[in-house]
Amino acid sequence: MYNIIFNFPFRRIIYNDLNTITPEQYFKQVTRRVAEIKAVSSPEERSVLIQILENTYRFTLGSIAGAVGASAVYPIDLVKTRMQNQRTGSFIGEVAYRNSFDCFKKVIRHEGFFGLYRGLVPQLIGVAPEKAIKLTVNDLVRDKLMDKKGNIPLYGEILAGACAGASQVIFTNPLEIVKIRLQVAGEIASGAKVRAWSVVKDLGLFGLYKGAKACLLRDVPFSAIYFPAYAHVKAKFADENGYNHPLSLLAAGAIAGIPAASLVTPADVIKTRLQVVARSGQTTYNGVLDATRKIYAEEGARAFWKGALARVFRSSPQFGVTLVTYEILQRLFYVDFGGS
């Protein structure tokens, strides 16, 4: 029987009543490898099959990590969407929420706790391939741009992130247009219950990609900022041996998400407006430029930053949770494919 004793404030941890270890050593034991597989004995043996298996491995772990991250912050995402869709100037008396916190309270009051998770199922169905392909493409491009010493220039990090952001739109746009329409459906108390499948049928294949340009304008710069920032912050938080324990990974992911999420909020607002069905009396938009002009004319420049706080509070912890899950899974189920 092993005994683990934590002495507040975690200055020492006694393991098996014999050895005293530090918190950092304890975290390393938490992420000790459960499985360790060596797919090739040397990098020269990397065949096409091995590279396919490597990307499949990353894709699977990315799918799990993406689902965990999305579930953790979904209520904040719902609040962000409703705040961004709230119009001022086009329809008198429509302002329902004073701020994000007021929106959060009213959703619980009128729709119950589970109203905060409206649209979660399609989100989970889509977020797995979305986050998986994003993480996989970022890792893949970084691998290709690294030199023999494992170093990558800043422009390479930015390019890898941008490629990751662009690659995910094929999954992101259909996922988000369905999710957004489900999220705002609860605002109409007497309205019929909206189902994900009915939204998909109404939109059709091409309708699922409505607002795709705005989605690209958001996701490409987001990832181009996020992944390099995460890599550098993570390196700063590493110990003298280059090791990051889970809390430092979580902190690095959350910190990197602050500038990335906030700076692309205008594109996110435009995307939301394009993808939501306009109600009677609301302004309709025909493309990114038309939406930009009309939002500015009717609501002013501040409208482009609606939901910015909720977006930061959603995206920052979401990617922190996603990446810490992704990296811990890689540590626990380690497979050496001979790559970087």
C-alpha atoms as a PDB file:
ATOM      1  CA  MET A   1       0.000   0.000   0.000  1.00  0.00           C
ATOM      2  CA  TYR A   2       1.393   3.379  -1.042  1.00  0.00           C
ATOM      3  CA  ASN A   3       0.741   6.421   1.097  1.00  0.00           C
ATOM      4  CA  ILE A   4       0.840   9.918  -0.375  1.00  0.00           C
ATOM      5  CA  ILE A   5       0.885  12.765   2.118  1.00  0.00           C
ATOM      6  CA  PHE A   6       0.529  16.388   0.975  1.00  0.00           C
ATOM      7  CA  ASN A   7       1.911  18.955   3.408  1.00  0.00           C
ATOM      8  CA  PHE A   8       0.274  22.355   2.808  1.00  0.00           C
ATOM      9  CA  PRO A   9       1.333  24.468   0.980  1.00  0.00           C
ATOM     10  CA  PHE A  10       2.808  21.554  -1.007  1.00  0.00           C
ATOM     11  CA  ARG A  11       6.343  22.082   0.229  1.00  0.00           C
ATOM     12  CA  ARG A  12       6.940  18.375   0.499  1.00  0.00           C
ATOM     13  CA  ILE A  13       5.179  15.204  -0.589  1.00  0.00           C
ATOM     14  CA  ILE A  14       6.004  11.897   1.099  1.00  0.00           C
ATOM     15  CA  TYR A  15       5.661   8.946  -1.244  1.00  0.00           C
ATOM     16  CA  ASN A  16       5.630   5.396   0.203  1.00  0.00           C
ATOM     17  CA  ASP A  17       6.697   6.849   3.582  1.00  0.00           C
ATOM     18  CA  LEU A  18      10.328   6.693   2.410  1.00  0.00           C
ATOM     19  CA  ASN A  19      11.151   9.373  -0.135  1.00  0.00           C
ATOM     20  CA  THR A  20      10.466  13.089   0.012  1.00  0.00           C
ATOM     21  CA  ILE A  21       9.864  14.594  -3.424  1.00  0.00           C
ATOM     22  CA  THR A  22       9.098  18.079  -4.656  1.00  0.00           C
ATOM     23  CA  PRO A  23       5.807  19.082  -6.342  1.00  0.00           C
ATOM     24  CA  GLU A  24       7.622  19.212  -9.696  1.00  0.00           C
ATOM     25  CA  GLN A  25       8.821  15.629  -9.240  1.00  0.00           C
ATOM     26  CA  TYR A  26       5.298  14.580  -8.289  1.00  0.00           C
ATOM     27  CA  PHE A  27       3.865  16.093 -11.481  1.00  0.00           C
ATOM     28  CA  LYS A  28       6.479  14.231 -13.485  1.00  0.00           C
ATOM     29  CA  GLN A  29       5.300  11.011 -11.859  1.00  0.00           C
ATOM     30  CA  VAL A  30       1.681  11.910 -12.712  1.00  0.00           C
ATOM     31  CA  THR A  31       2.666  12.177 -16.383  1.00  0.00           C
ATOM     32  CA  ARG A  32       4.936   9.130 -16.381  1.00  0.00           C
ATOM     33  CA  ARG A  33       4.506   7.088 -19.556  1.00  0.00           C
ATOM     34  CA  VAL A  34       1.781   4.471 -19.509  1.00  0.00           C
ATOM     35  CA  ALA A  35       2.831   3.108 -22.891  1.00  0.00           C
ATOM     36  CA  GLU A  36       6.057   3.584 -24.809  1.00  0.00           C
ATOM     37  CA  ILE A  37       6.333   2.368 -28.385  1.00  0.00           C
ATOM     38  CA  LYS A  38       9.247   2.811 -30.755  1.00  0.00           C
ATOM     39  CA  ALA A  39       7.860   2.600 -34.295  1.00  0.00           C
ATOM     40  CA  VAL A  40      11.262   2.867 -36.009  1.00  0.00           C
ATOM     41  CA  SER A  41      14.820   2.354 -34.804  1.00  0.00           C
ATOM     42  CA  SER A  42      16.151   5.420 -36.669  1.00  0.00           C
ATOM     43  CA  PRO A  43      14.740   8.445 -38.568  1.00  0.00           C
ATOM     44  CA  GLU A  44      16.051   6.965 -41.830  1.00  0.00           C
ATOM     45  CA  GLU A  45      13.466   4.193 -41.539  1.00  0.00           C
ATOM     46  CA  ARG A  46      10.505   6.596 -41.675  1.00  0.00           C
ATOM     47  CA  SER A  47       8.360   5.231 -44.482  1.00  0.00           C
ATOM     48  CA  VAL A  48       5.167   6.748 -45.898  1.00  0.00           C
ATOM     49  CA  LEU A  49       3.155   4.313 -43.771  1.00  0.00           C
ATOM     50  CA  ILE A  50       4.956   5.411 -40.597  1.00  0.00           C
ATOM     51  CA  GLN A  51       4.255   9.070 -41.398  1.00  0.00           C
ATOM     52  CA  ILE A  52       0.567   8.271 -41.977  1.00  0.00           C
ATOM     53  CA  LEU A  53       0.447   6.434 -38.651  1.00  0.00           C
ATOM     54  CA  GLU A  54       2.148   9.396 -36.958  1.00  0.00           C
ATOM     55  CA  ASN A  55      -0.478  11.830 -38.249  1.00  0.00           C
ATOM     56  CA  THR A  56      -3.262   9.411 -37.290  1.00  0.00           C
ATOM     57  CA  TYR A  57      -1.813   9.234 -33.771  1.00  0.00           C
ATOM     58  CA  ARG A  58      -1.709  13.035 -33.508  1.00  0.00           C
ATOM     59  CA  PHE A  59      -5.196  13.325 -34.983  1.00  0.00           C
ATOM     60  CA  THR A  60      -6.648  10.894 -32.421  1.00  0.00           C
ATOM     61  CA  LEU A  61      -5.062  12.654 -29.450  1.00  0.00           C
ATOM     62  CA  GLY A  62      -6.079  16.027 -30.871  1.00  0.00           C
ATOM     63  CA  SER A  63      -9.686  14.860 -31.174  1.00  0.00           C
ATOM     64  CA  ILE A  64      -9.829  13.860 -27.511  1.00  0.00           C
ATOM     65  CA  ALA A  65      -8.105  17.069 -26.402  1.00  0.00           C
ATOM     66  CA  GLY A  66     -10.439  19.213 -28.512  1.00  0.00           C
ATOM     67  CA  ALA A  67     -13.559  17.625 -27.038  1.00  0.00           C
ATOM     68  CA  VAL A  68     -12.275  18.145 -23.480  1.00  0.00           C
ATOM     69  CA  GLY A  69     -11.389  21.783 -24.143  1.00  0.00           C
ATOM     70  CA  ALA A  70     -14.687  22.626 -25.849  1.00  0.00           C
ATOM     71  CA  SER A  71     -16.807  21.067 -23.094  1.00  0.00           C
ATOM     72  CA  ALA A  72     -14.924  22.948 -20.384  1.00  0.00           C
ATOM     73  CA  VAL A  73     -15.799  26.417 -21.695  1.00  0.00           C
ATOM     74  CA  TYR A  74     -19.008  25.903 -23.696  1.00  0.00           C
ATOM     75  CA  PRO A  75     -21.262  28.099 -21.474  1.00  0.00           C
ATOM     76  CA  ILE A  76     -18.891  31.044 -22.060  1.00  0.00           C
ATOM     77  CA  ASP A  77     -19.040  30.383 -25.798  1.00  0.00           C
ATOM     78  CA  LEU A  78     -22.849  30.552 -25.730  1.00  0.00           C
ATOM     79  CA  VAL A  79     -22.747  33.893 -23.898  1.00  0.00           C
ATOM     80  CA  LYS A  80     -20.195  35.211 -26.414  1.00  0.00           C
ATOM     81  CA  THR A  81     -22.407  34.282 -29.371  1.00  0.00           C
ATOM     82  CA  ARG A  82     -25.516  35.914 -27.910  1.00  0.00           C
ATOM     83  CA  MET A  83     -23.658  39.111 -27.064  1.00  0.00           C
ATOM     84  CA  GLN A  84     -22.249  39.343 -30.600  1.00  0.00           C
ATOM     85  CA  ASN A  85     -25.651  38.761 -32.192  1.00  0.00           C
ATOM     86  CA  GLN A  86     -27.313  41.466 -30.091  1.00  0.00           C
ATOM     87  CA  ARG A  87     -28.092  44.391 -32.393  1.00  0.00           C
ATOM     88  CA  THR A  88     -28.333  48.037 -31.382  1.00  0.00           C
ATOM     89  CA  GLY A  89     -29.863  50.466 -33.806  1.00  0.00           C
ATOM     90  CA  SER A  90     -31.644  48.168 -36.249  1.00  0.00           C
ATOM     91  CA  PHE A  91     -34.525  47.006 -34.043  1.00  0.00           C
ATOM     92  CA  ILE A  92     -35.957  49.033 -31.166  1.00  0.00           C
ATOM     93  CA  GLY A  93     -36.228  47.248 -27.860  1.00  0.00           C
ATOM     94  CA  GLU A  94     -34.102  44.293 -28.895  1.00  0.00           C
ATOM     95  CA  VAL A  95     -31.247  44.770 -26.432  1.00  0.00           C
ATOM     96  CA  ALA A  96     -31.765  41.905 -24.003  1.00  0.00           C
ATOM     97  CA  TYR A  97     -28.413  41.794 -22.191  1.00  0.00           C
ATOM     98  CA  ARG A  98     -26.511  44.621 -20.540  1.00  0.00           C
ATOM     99  CA  ASN A  99     -23.239  42.680 -20.522  1.00  0.00           C
ATOM    100  CA  SER A 100     -21.855  39.136 -20.594  1.00  0.00           C
ATOM    101  CA  PHE A 101     -22.586  38.497 -16.911  1.00  0.00           C
ATOM    102  CA  ASP A 102     -26.177  39.695 -17.328  1.00  0.00           C
ATOM    103  CA  CYS A 103     -26.541  37.358 -20.320  1.00  0.00           C
ATOM    104  CA  PHE A 104     -25.215  34.435 -18.258  1.00  0.00           C
ATOM    105  CA  LYS A 105     -27.729  35.092 -15.454  1.00  0.00           C
ATOM    106  CA  LYS A 106     -30.690  35.459 -17.821  1.00  0.00           C
ATOM    107  CA  VAL A 107     -29.913  32.239 -19.678  1.00  0.00           C
ATOM    108  CA  ILE A 108     -29.949  30.300 -16.393  1.00  0.00           C
ATOM    109  CA  ARG A 109     -33.106  32.087 -15.198  1.00  0.00           C
ATOM    110  CA  HIS A 110     -35.163  31.592 -18.371  1.00  0.00           C
ATOM    111  CA  GLU A 111     -33.674  28.433 -19.900  1.00  0.00           C
ATOM    112  CA  GLY A 112     -32.231  26.598 -16.935  1.00  0.00           C
ATOM    113  CA  PHE A 113     -28.684  25.390 -16.334  1.00  0.00           C
ATOM    114  CA  PHE A 114     -28.709  23.136 -19.395  1.00  0.00           C
ATOM    115  CA  GLY A 115     -29.601  26.146 -21.533  1.00  0.00           C
ATOM    116  CA  LEU A 116     -25.918  27.055 -21.212  1.00  0.00           C
ATOM    117  CA  TYR A 117     -25.110  23.876 -23.154  1.00  0.00           C
ATOM    118  CA  ARG A 118     -27.555  24.432 -26.019  1.00  0.00           C
ATOM    119  CA  GLY A 119     -25.843  23.236 -29.212  1.00  0.00           C
ATOM    120  CA  LEU A 120     -23.088  21.287 -27.422  1.00  0.00           C
ATOM    121  CA  VAL A 121     -23.706  17.974 -29.249  1.00  0.00           C
ATOM    122  CA  PRO A 122     -22.918  19.265 -32.769  1.00  0.00           C
ATOM    123  CA  GLN A 123     -20.025  21.172 -31.260  1.00  0.00           C
ATOM    124  CA  LEU A 124     -18.523  17.954 -29.894  1.00  0.00           C
ATOM    125  CA  ILE A 125     -19.159  16.097 -33.157  1.00  0.00           C
ATOM    126  CA  GLY A 126     -17.326  18.778 -35.125  1.00  0.00           C
ATOM    127  CA  VAL A 127     -14.711  19.958 -32.636  1.00  0.00           C
ATOM    128  CA  ALA A 128     -12.881  16.630 -32.632  1.00  0.00           C
ATOM    129  CA  PRO A 129     -11.797  16.737 -36.292  1.00  0.00           C
ATOM    130  CA  GLU A 130     -11.486  20.536 -36.179  1.00  0.00           C
ATOM    131  CA  LYS A 131      -9.021  20.703 -33.295  1.00  0.00           C
ATOM    132  CA  ALA A 132      -7.339  17.488 -34.407  1.00  0.00           C
ATOM    133  CA  ILE A 133      -6.550  18.758 -37.894  1.00  0.00           C
ATOM    134  CA  LYS A 134      -5.450  22.107 -36.462  1.00  0.00           C
ATOM    135  CA  LEU A 135      -2.980  20.532 -34.040  1.00  0.00           C
ATOM    136  CA  THR A 136      -1.841  17.964 -36.613  1.00  0.00           C
ATOM    137  CA  VAL A 137      -1.180  20.525 -39.375  1.00  0.00           C
ATOM    138  CA  ASN A 138       0.645  22.842 -36.980  1.00  0.00           C
ATOM    139  CA  ASP A 139       2.913  19.990 -35.838  1.00  0.00           C
ATOM    140  CA  LEU A 140       3.396  18.773 -39.413  1.00  0.00           C
ATOM    141  CA  VAL A 141       4.420  22.163 -40.854  1.00  0.00           C
ATOM    142  CA  ARG A 142       6.680  22.862 -37.869  1.00  0.00           C
ATOM    143  CA  ASP A 143       8.388  19.507 -38.491  1.00  0.00           C
ATOM    144  CA  LYS A 144       9.007  20.410 -42.127  1.00  0.00           C
ATOM    145  CA  LEU A 145      10.434  23.851 -41.295  1.00  0.00           C
ATOM    146  CA  MET A 146      12.733  22.737 -38.467  1.00  0.00           C
ATOM    147  CA  ASP A 147      16.463  22.510 -39.075  1.00  0.00           C
ATOM    148  CA  LYS A 148      18.564  19.489 -38.111  1.00  0.00           C
ATOM    149  CA  LYS A 149      19.077  20.898 -34.608  1.00  0.00           C
ATOM    150  CA  GLY A 150      15.341  21.127 -33.988  1.00  0.00           C
ATOM    151  CA  ASN A 151      15.180  24.926 -34.261  1.00  0.00           C
ATOM    152  CA  ILE A 152      12.495  26.786 -36.179  1.00  0.00           C
ATOM    153  CA  PRO A 153      12.544  30.506 -37.140  1.00  0.00           C
ATOM    154  CA  LEU A 154       9.733  32.808 -35.999  1.00  0.00           C
ATOM    155  CA  TYR A 155       8.362  33.164 -39.543  1.00  0.00           C
ATOM    156  CA  GLY A 156       8.173  29.344 -39.674  1.00  0.00           C
ATOM    157  CA  GLU A 157       6.146  29.270 -36.445  1.00  0.00           C
ATOM    158  CA  ILE A 158       3.771  31.931 -37.778  1.00  0.00           C
ATOM    159  CA  LEU A 159       3.413  30.120 -41.117  1.00  0.00           C
ATOM    160  CA  ALA A 160       2.718  26.807 -39.360  1.00  0.00           C
ATOM    161  CA  GLY A 161       0.034  28.443 -37.221  1.00  0.00           C
ATOM    162  CA  ALA A 162      -1.553  30.156 -40.230  1.00  0.00           C
ATOM    163  CA  CYS A 163      -1.683  26.870 -42.151  1.00  0.00           C
ATOM    164  CA  ALA A 164      -3.289  25.212 -39.135  1.00  0.00           C
ATOM    165  CA  GLY A 165      -5.949  27.932 -38.935  1.00  0.00           C
ATOM    166  CA  ALA A 166      -6.742  27.736 -42.646  1.00  0.00           C
ATOM    167  CA  SER A 167      -6.956  23.934 -42.636  1.00  0.00           C
ATOM    168  CA  GLN A 168      -9.582  23.793 -39.905  1.00  0.00           C
ATOM    169  CA  VAL A 169     -12.151  25.999 -41.660  1.00  0.00           C
ATOM    170  CA  ILE A 170     -13.493  23.043 -43.663  1.00  0.00           C
ATOM    171  CA  PHE A 171     -14.709  21.646 -40.321  1.00  0.00           C
ATOM    172  CA  THR A 172     -15.141  24.892 -38.372  1.00  0.00           C
ATOM    173  CA  ASN A 173     -17.623  26.698 -40.601  1.00  0.00           C
ATOM    174  CA  PRO A 174     -20.367  24.000 -40.801  1.00  0.00           C
ATOM    175  CA  LEU A 175     -19.911  23.284 -37.104  1.00  0.00           C
ATOM    176  CA  GLU A 176     -20.198  26.912 -36.042  1.00  0.00           C
ATOM    177  CA  ILE A 177     -23.141  27.912 -38.213  1.00  0.00           C
ATOM    178  CA  VAL A 178     -25.185  25.044 -36.729  1.00  0.00           C
ATOM    179  CA  LYS A 179     -23.942  25.752 -33.205  1.00  0.00           C
ATOM    180  CA  ILE A 180     -24.651  29.494 -33.462  1.00  0.00           C
ATOM    181  CA  ARG A 181     -28.201  28.992 -34.715  1.00  0.00           C
ATOM    182  CA  LEU A 182     -28.917  26.611 -31.851  1.00  0.00           C
ATOM    183  CA  GLN A 183     -27.367  28.990 -29.332  1.00  0.00           C
ATOM    184  CA  VAL A 184     -29.522  31.967 -30.312  1.00  0.00           C
ATOM    185  CA  ALA A 185     -32.706  29.900 -30.729  1.00  0.00           C
ATOM    186  CA  GLY A 186     -33.265  29.914 -26.968  1.00  0.00           C
ATOM    187  CA  GLU A 187     -33.690  33.708 -26.968  1.00  0.00           C
ATOM    188  CA  ILE A 188     -37.239  33.328 -28.363  1.00  0.00           C
ATOM    189  CA  ALA A 189     -39.350  31.991 -25.505  1.00  0.00           C
ATOM    190  CA  SER A 190     -42.337  30.962 -27.633  1.00  0.00           C
ATOM    191  CA  GLY A 191     -40.321  29.683 -30.583  1.00  0.00           C
ATOM    192  CA  ALA A 192     -40.331  26.045 -31.703  1.00  0.00           C
ATOM    193  CA  LYS A 193     -37.444  23.923 -30.533  1.00  0.00           C
ATOM    194  CA  VAL A 194     -34.644  23.970 -33.092  1.00  0.00           C
ATOM    195  CA  ARG A 195     -32.778  20.732 -33.816  1.00  0.00           C
ATOM    196  CA  ALA A 196     -29.298  20.423 -35.266  1.00  0.00           C
ATOM    197  CA  TRP A 197     -30.410  18.139 -38.088  1.00  0.00           C
ATOM    198  CA  SER A 198     -33.198  20.533 -39.142  1.00  0.00           C
ATOM    199  CA  VAL A 199     -30.649  23.364 -39.357  1.00  0.00           C
ATOM    200  CA  VAL A 200     -28.384  21.216 -41.546  1.00  0.00           C
ATOM    201  CA  LYS A 201     -31.290  20.287 -43.862  1.00  0.00           C
ATOM    202  CA  ASP A 202     -32.421  23.909 -44.182  1.00  0.00           C
ATOM    203  CA  LEU A 203     -28.923  25.147 -44.997  1.00  0.00           C
ATOM    204  CA  GLY A 204     -27.832  22.442 -47.428  1.00  0.00           C
ATOM    205  CA  LEU A 205     -24.216  21.740 -48.345  1.00  0.00           C
ATOM    206  CA  PHE A 206     -23.334  25.206 -49.637  1.00  0.00           C
ATOM    207  CA  GLY A 207     -25.293  26.950 -46.893  1.00  0.00           C
ATOM    208  CA  LEU A 208     -23.083  25.281 -44.295  1.00  0.00           C
ATOM    209  CA  TYR A 209     -20.203  27.382 -45.629  1.00  0.00           C
ATOM    210  CA  LYS A 210     -21.974  30.720 -45.320  1.00  0.00           C
ATOM    211  CA  GLY A 211     -19.567  33.157 -43.668  1.00  0.00           C
ATOM    212  CA  ALA A 212     -16.516  31.044 -44.582  1.00  0.00           C
ATOM    213  CA  LYS A 213     -14.497  34.118 -45.634  1.00  0.00           C
ATOM    214  CA  ALA A 214     -15.059  35.707 -42.227  1.00  0.00           C
ATOM    215  CA  CYS A 215     -14.152  32.380 -40.633  1.00  0.00           C
ATOM    216  CA  LEU A 216     -10.835  32.404 -42.513  1.00  0.00           C
ATOM    217  CA  LEU A 217     -10.237  36.041 -41.500  1.00  0.00           C
ATOM    218  CA  ARG A 218     -10.639  34.936 -37.883  1.00  0.00           C
ATOM    219  CA  ASP A 219      -8.956  31.526 -37.760  1.00  0.00           C
ATOM    220  CA  VAL A 220      -5.816  32.199 -39.842  1.00  0.00           C
ATOM    221  CA  PRO A 221      -4.544  35.187 -37.780  1.00  0.00           C
ATOM    222  CA  PHE A 222      -5.717  33.551 -34.539  1.00  0.00           C
ATOM    223  CA  SER A 223      -3.564  30.473 -35.099  1.00  0.00           C
ATOM    224  CA  ALA A 224      -0.680  32.510 -36.547  1.00  0.00           C
ATOM    225  CA  ILE A 225      -0.584  34.437 -33.252  1.00  0.00           C
ATOM    226  CA  TYR A 226      -1.528  31.622 -30.893  1.00  0.00           C
ATOM    227  CA  PHE A 227       0.847  28.776 -31.701  1.00  0.00           C
ATOM    228  CA  PRO A 228       4.094  30.833 -31.755  1.00  0.00           C
ATOM    229  CA  ALA A 229       3.025  32.606 -28.549  1.00  0.00           C
ATOM    230  CA  TYR A 230       2.255  29.266 -26.879  1.00  0.00           C
ATOM    231  CA  ALA A 231       5.600  27.763 -27.896  1.00  0.00           C
ATOM    232  CA  HIS A 232       7.577  30.721 -26.519  1.00  0.00           C
ATOM    233  CA  VAL A 233       5.598  31.097 -23.277  1.00  0.00           C
ATOM    234  CA  LYS A 234       5.869  27.351 -22.677  1.00  0.00           C
ATOM    235  CA  ALA A 235       9.643  27.554 -23.139  1.00  0.00           C
ATOM    236  CA  LYS A 236       9.811  30.387 -20.590  1.00  0.00           C
ATOM    237  CA  PHE A 237       7.884  28.324 -18.047  1.00  0.00           C
ATOM    238  CA  ALA A 238      10.009  25.190 -18.518  1.00  0.00           C
ATOM    239  CA  ASP A 239      12.524  24.166 -15.866  1.00  0.00           C
ATOM    240  CA  GLU A 240      16.288  23.921 -16.393  1.00  0.00           C
ATOM    241  CA  ASN A 241      15.814  20.544 -18.073  1.00  0.00           C
ATOM    242  CA  GLY A 242      13.174  21.836 -20.486  1.00  0.00           C
ATOM    243  CA  TYR A 243      10.341  20.076 -18.628  1.00  0.00           C
ATOM    244  CA  ASN A 244       6.851  21.608 -18.302  1.00  0.00           C
ATOM    245  CA  HIS A 245       4.500  20.244 -15.667  1.00  0.00           C
ATOM    246  CA  PRO A 246       0.755  20.333 -16.470  1.00  0.00           C
ATOM    247  CA  LEU A 247       0.057  23.614 -14.663  1.00  0.00           C
ATOM    248  CA  SER A 248       2.736  25.451 -16.639  1.00  0.00           C
ATOM    249  CA  LEU A 249       1.308  24.024 -19.880  1.00  0.00           C
ATOM    250  CA  LEU A 250      -2.186  25.180 -18.862  1.00  0.00           C
ATOM    251  CA  ALA A 251      -0.888  28.648 -17.991  1.00  0.00           C
ATOM    252  CA  ALA A 252       1.070  28.919 -21.255  1.00  0.00           C
ATOM    253  CA  GLY A 253      -1.989  27.953 -23.292  1.00  0.00           C
ATOM    254  CA  ALA A 254      -4.219  30.425 -21.459  1.00  0.00           C
ATOM    255  CA  ILE A 255      -1.734  33.324 -21.733  1.00  0.00           C
ATOM    256  CA  ALA A 256      -1.175  32.754 -25.462  1.00  0.00           C
ATOM    257  CA  GLY A 257      -4.927  32.798 -26.012  1.00  0.00           C
ATOM    258  CA  ILE A 258      -5.421  36.340 -24.670  1.00  0.00           C
ATOM    259  CA  PRO A 259      -3.879  38.333 -27.568  1.00  0.00           C
ATOM    260  CA  ALA A 260      -4.938  35.773 -30.187  1.00  0.00           C
ATOM    261  CA  ALA A 261      -8.606  35.746 -29.147  1.00  0.00           C
ATOM    262  CA  SER A 262      -8.998  39.460 -28.536  1.00  0.00           C
ATOM    263  CA  LEU A 263      -7.357  40.740 -31.732  1.00  0.00           C
ATOM    264  CA  VAL A 264      -9.589  38.690 -34.059  1.00  0.00           C
ATOM    265  CA  THR A 265     -12.886  39.598 -32.348  1.00  0.00           C
ATOM    266  CA  PRO A 266     -14.057  41.912 -35.218  1.00  0.00           C
ATOM    267  CA  ALA A 267     -13.855  39.008 -37.685  1.00  0.00           C
ATOM    268  CA  ASP A 268     -15.732  36.810 -35.205  1.00  0.00           C
ATOM    269  CA  VAL A 269     -18.515  39.398 -34.841  1.00  0.00           C
ATOM    270  CA  ILE A 270     -18.896  39.627 -38.640  1.00  0.00           C
ATOM    271  CA  LYS A 271     -18.938  35.833 -38.948  1.00  0.00           C
ATOM    272  CA  THR A 272     -21.642  35.544 -36.283  1.00  0.00           C
ATOM    273  CA  ARG A 273     -23.847  38.154 -37.970  1.00  0.00           C
ATOM    274  CA  LEU A 274     -23.497  36.439 -41.361  1.00  0.00           C
ATOM    275  CA  GLN A 275     -24.369  33.018 -39.979  1.00  0.00           C
ATOM    276  CA  VAL A 276     -27.372  33.919 -37.804  1.00  0.00           C
ATOM    277  CA  VAL A 277     -30.827  34.125 -39.433  1.00  0.00           C
ATOM    278  CA  ALA A 278     -31.982  37.753 -39.254  1.00  0.00           C
ATOM    279  CA  ARG A 279     -35.342  38.241 -37.562  1.00  0.00           C
ATOM    280  CA  SER A 280     -38.079  40.584 -38.670  1.00  0.00           C
ATOM    281  CA  GLY A 281     -36.811  44.165 -38.556  1.00  0.00           C
ATOM    282  CA  GLN A 282     -33.154  43.208 -38.296  1.00  0.00           C
ATOM    283  CA  THR A 283     -30.528  44.274 -40.798  1.00  0.00           C
ATOM    284  CA  THR A 284     -29.423  41.596 -43.250  1.00  0.00           C
ATOM    285  CA  TYR A 285     -25.902  41.298 -44.642  1.00  0.00           C
ATOM    286  CA  ASN A 286     -24.542  40.249 -47.984  1.00  0.00           C
ATOM    287  CA  GLY A 287     -20.931  39.252 -47.446  1.00  0.00           C
ATOM    288  CA  VAL A 288     -18.030  40.426 -45.290  1.00  0.00           C
ATOM    289  CA  LEU A 289     -17.646  43.931 -46.739  1.00  0.00           C
ATOM    290  CA  ASP A 290     -21.380  44.630 -46.668  1.00  0.00           C
ATOM    291  CA  ALA A 291     -21.600  43.447 -43.046  1.00  0.00           C
ATOM    292  CA  THR A 292     -18.609  45.592 -42.079  1.00  0.00           C
ATOM    293  CA  ARG A 293     -20.114  48.729 -43.616  1.00  0.00           C
ATOM    294  CA  LYS A 294     -23.588  48.221 -42.135  1.00  0.00           C
ATOM    295  CA  ILE A 295     -22.396  47.319 -38.629  1.00  0.00           C
ATOM    296  CA  TYR A 296     -20.155  50.393 -38.549  1.00  0.00           C
ATOM    297  CA  ALA A 297     -22.876  52.694 -39.919  1.00  0.00           C
ATOM    298  CA  GLU A 298     -25.624  51.477 -37.557  1.00  0.00           C
ATOM    299  CA  GLU A 299     -23.734  50.614 -34.388  1.00  0.00           C
ATOM    300  CA  GLY A 300     -20.332  52.263 -34.570  1.00  0.00           C
ATOM    301  CA  ALA A 301     -16.820  50.859 -34.217  1.00  0.00           C
ATOM    302  CA  ARG A 302     -17.465  49.497 -30.720  1.00  0.00           C
ATOM    303  CA  ALA A 303     -19.878  46.923 -32.156  1.00  0.00           C
ATOM    304  CA  PHE A 304     -16.925  45.025 -33.652  1.00  0.00           C
ATOM    305  CA  TRP A 305     -15.660  44.315 -30.147  1.00  0.00           C
ATOM    306  CA  LYS A 306     -18.918  42.927 -28.754  1.00  0.00           C
ATOM    307  CA  GLY A 307     -18.343  39.764 -26.782  1.00  0.00           C
ATOM    308  CA  ALA A 308     -14.567  40.355 -26.756  1.00  0.00           C
ATOM    309  CA  LEU A 309     -14.317  39.677 -23.025  1.00  0.00           C
ATOM    310  CA  ALA A 310     -16.424  36.524 -23.288  1.00  0.00           C
ATOM    311  CA  ARG A 311     -14.352  35.427 -26.291  1.00  0.00           C
ATOM    312  CA  VAL A 312     -11.098  35.823 -24.351  1.00  0.00           C
ATOM    313  CA  PHE A 313     -12.537  34.020 -21.322  1.00  0.00           C
ATOM    314  CA  ARG A 314     -13.700  31.234 -23.645  1.00  0.00           C
ATOM    315  CA  SER A 315     -10.804  30.846 -26.092  1.00  0.00           C
ATOM    316  CA  SER A 316      -7.980  31.376 -23.620  1.00  0.00           C
ATOM    317  CA  PRO A 317      -8.886  28.582 -21.159  1.00  0.00           C
ATOM    318  CA  GLN A 318     -10.263  26.381 -23.951  1.00  0.00           C
ATOM    319  CA  PHE A 319      -6.947  26.232 -25.772  1.00  0.00           C
ATOM    320  CA  GLY A 320      -5.118  25.970 -22.464  1.00  0.00           C
ATOM    321  CA  VAL A 321      -7.175  22.887 -21.535  1.00  0.00           C
ATOM    322  CA  THR A 322      -6.957  21.508 -25.099  1.00  0.00           C
ATOM    323  CA  LEU A 323      -3.179  21.782 -25.352  1.00  0.00           C
ATOM    324  CA  VAL A 324      -2.428  20.553 -21.838  1.00  0.00           C
ATOM    325  CA  THR A 325      -4.652  17.528 -22.569  1.00  0.00           C
ATOM    326  CA  TYR A 326      -2.928  17.009 -25.942  1.00  0.00           C
ATOM    327  CA  GLU A 327       0.567  17.136 -24.481  1.00  0.00           C
ATOM    328  CA  ILE A 328      -0.227  14.993 -21.437  1.00  0.00           C
ATOM    329  CA  LEU A 329      -1.765  12.340 -23.697  1.00  0.00           C
ATOM    330  CA  GLN A 330       1.416  12.405 -25.790  1.00  0.00           C
ATOM    331  CA  ARG A 331       3.442  11.860 -22.621  1.00  0.00           C
ATOM    332  CA  LEU A 332       1.243   9.113 -21.232  1.00  0.00           C
ATOM    333  CA  PHE A 333       0.916   7.218 -24.516  1.00  0.00           C
ATOM    334  CA  TYR A 334       4.302   7.935 -26.035  1.00  0.00           C
ATOM    335  CA  VAL A 335       5.033   6.676 -29.533  1.00  0.00           C
ATOM    336  CA  ASP A 336       8.377   7.436 -31.203  1.00  0.00           C
ATOM    337  CA  PHE A 337       7.831   7.669 -34.964  1.00  0.00           C
ATOM    338  CA  GLY A 338      11.376   8.871 -35.616  1.00  0.00           C
ATOM    339  CA  GLY A 339      10.260  12.447 -36.331  1.00  0.00           C
ATOM    340  CA  SER A 340      10.853  15.612 -34.314  1.00  0.00           C
END
